[in-house]
Amino acid sequence: MSKTKIRIDYSKCGENGKVDPRDCHKCLEVCDPCVFLMHEALGYKEEDP
């Protein structure tokens, strides 16, 4: 099994790309959470299923 390559468009992170993507959370709202299993977001709380 190969690793999933994640490409982040930093220009969309926060206001004019000035926010760390781990603080922005837009990626987590769009992609399936399992894609980000190895990429912890700062302060992001996901509901316990």
C-alpha atoms as a PDB file:
ATOM      1  CA  MET A   1       0.000   0.000   0.000  1.00  0.00           C
ATOM      2  CA  SER A   2       1.407   3.386  -0.946  1.00  0.00           C
ATOM      3  CA  LYS A   3       1.163   6.603   1.025  1.00  0.00           C
ATOM      4  CA  THR A   4      -1.421   9.163   0.013  1.00  0.00           C
ATOM      5  CA  LYS A   5       0.203  12.309  -1.346  1.00  0.00           C
ATOM      6  CA  ILE A   6      -1.464  15.401   0.042  1.00  0.00           C
ATOM      7  CA  ARG A   7      -0.947  18.650  -1.833  1.00  0.00           C
ATOM      8  CA  ILE A   8      -2.127  21.753   0.013  1.00  0.00           C
ATOM      9  CA  ASP A   9      -2.823  25.039  -1.759  1.00  0.00           C
ATOM     10  CA  TYR A  10      -1.473  27.344   0.945  1.00  0.00           C
ATOM     11  CA  SER A  11      -3.044  30.380  -0.734  1.00  0.00           C
ATOM     12  CA  LYS A  12      -6.436  29.122   0.500  1.00  0.00           C
ATOM     13  CA  CYS A  13      -5.359  28.662   4.129  1.00  0.00           C
ATOM     14  CA  GLY A  14      -7.002  31.343   6.209  1.00  0.00           C
ATOM     15  CA  GLU A  15      -6.820  34.916   5.011  1.00  0.00           C
ATOM     16  CA  ASN A  16      -4.629  35.187   1.880  1.00  0.00           C
ATOM     17  CA  GLY A  17      -2.593  32.119   2.825  1.00  0.00           C
ATOM     18  CA  LYS A  18      -1.310  33.574   6.077  1.00  0.00           C
ATOM     19  CA  VAL A  19      -2.569  30.770   8.329  1.00  0.00           C
ATOM     20  CA  ASP A  20      -0.896  27.439   9.075  1.00  0.00           C
ATOM     21  CA  PRO A  21      -3.020  24.755   7.342  1.00  0.00           C
ATOM     22  CA  ARG A  22      -3.222  22.840  10.637  1.00  0.00           C
ATOM     23  CA  ASP A  23      -4.999  25.850  12.162  1.00  0.00           C
ATOM     24  CA  CYS A  24      -7.217  26.527   9.130  1.00  0.00           C
ATOM     25  CA  HIS A  25      -9.119  23.175   8.989  1.00  0.00           C
ATOM     26  CA  LYS A  26     -10.590  23.755   5.493  1.00  0.00           C
ATOM     27  CA  CYS A  27      -8.802  20.594   4.312  1.00  0.00           C
ATOM     28  CA  LEU A  28     -10.405  18.536   7.060  1.00  0.00           C
ATOM     29  CA  GLU A  29     -13.875  19.775   6.127  1.00  0.00           C
ATOM     30  CA  VAL A  30     -13.432  18.683   2.492  1.00  0.00           C
ATOM     31  CA  CYS A  31     -11.427  15.449   2.660  1.00  0.00           C
ATOM     32  CA  ASP A  32     -12.255  12.147   4.286  1.00  0.00           C
ATOM     33  CA  PRO A  33     -10.800  12.226   7.843  1.00  0.00           C
ATOM     34  CA  CYS A  34      -8.838   9.001   7.320  1.00  0.00           C
ATOM     35  CA  VAL A  35      -6.675  10.807   4.747  1.00  0.00           C
ATOM     36  CA  PHE A  36      -5.400  13.041   7.532  1.00  0.00           C
ATOM     37  CA  LEU A  37      -4.927  10.301  10.121  1.00  0.00           C
ATOM     38  CA  MET A  38      -1.166  10.847  10.132  1.00  0.00           C
ATOM     39  CA  HIS A  39      -1.431  14.642   9.855  1.00  0.00           C
ATOM     40  CA  GLU A  40      -2.636  15.990  13.180  1.00  0.00           C
ATOM     41  CA  ALA A  41      -4.371  19.360  13.069  1.00  0.00           C
ATOM     42  CA  LEU A  42      -3.746  21.762  15.906  1.00  0.00           C
ATOM     43  CA  GLY A  43      -6.795  22.078  18.133  1.00  0.00           C
ATOM     44  CA  TYR A  44      -9.069  20.131  15.783  1.00  0.00           C
ATOM     45  CA  LYS A  45     -11.683  18.074  17.616  1.00  0.00           C
ATOM     46  CA  GLU A  46     -13.492  15.409  15.615  1.00  0.00           C
ATOM     47  CA  GLU A  47     -16.731  13.876  16.868  1.00  0.00           C
ATOM     48  CA  ASP A  48     -16.391  10.408  18.358  1.00  0.00           C
ATOM     49  CA  PRO A  49     -18.453   8.051  16.163  1.00  0.00           C
END
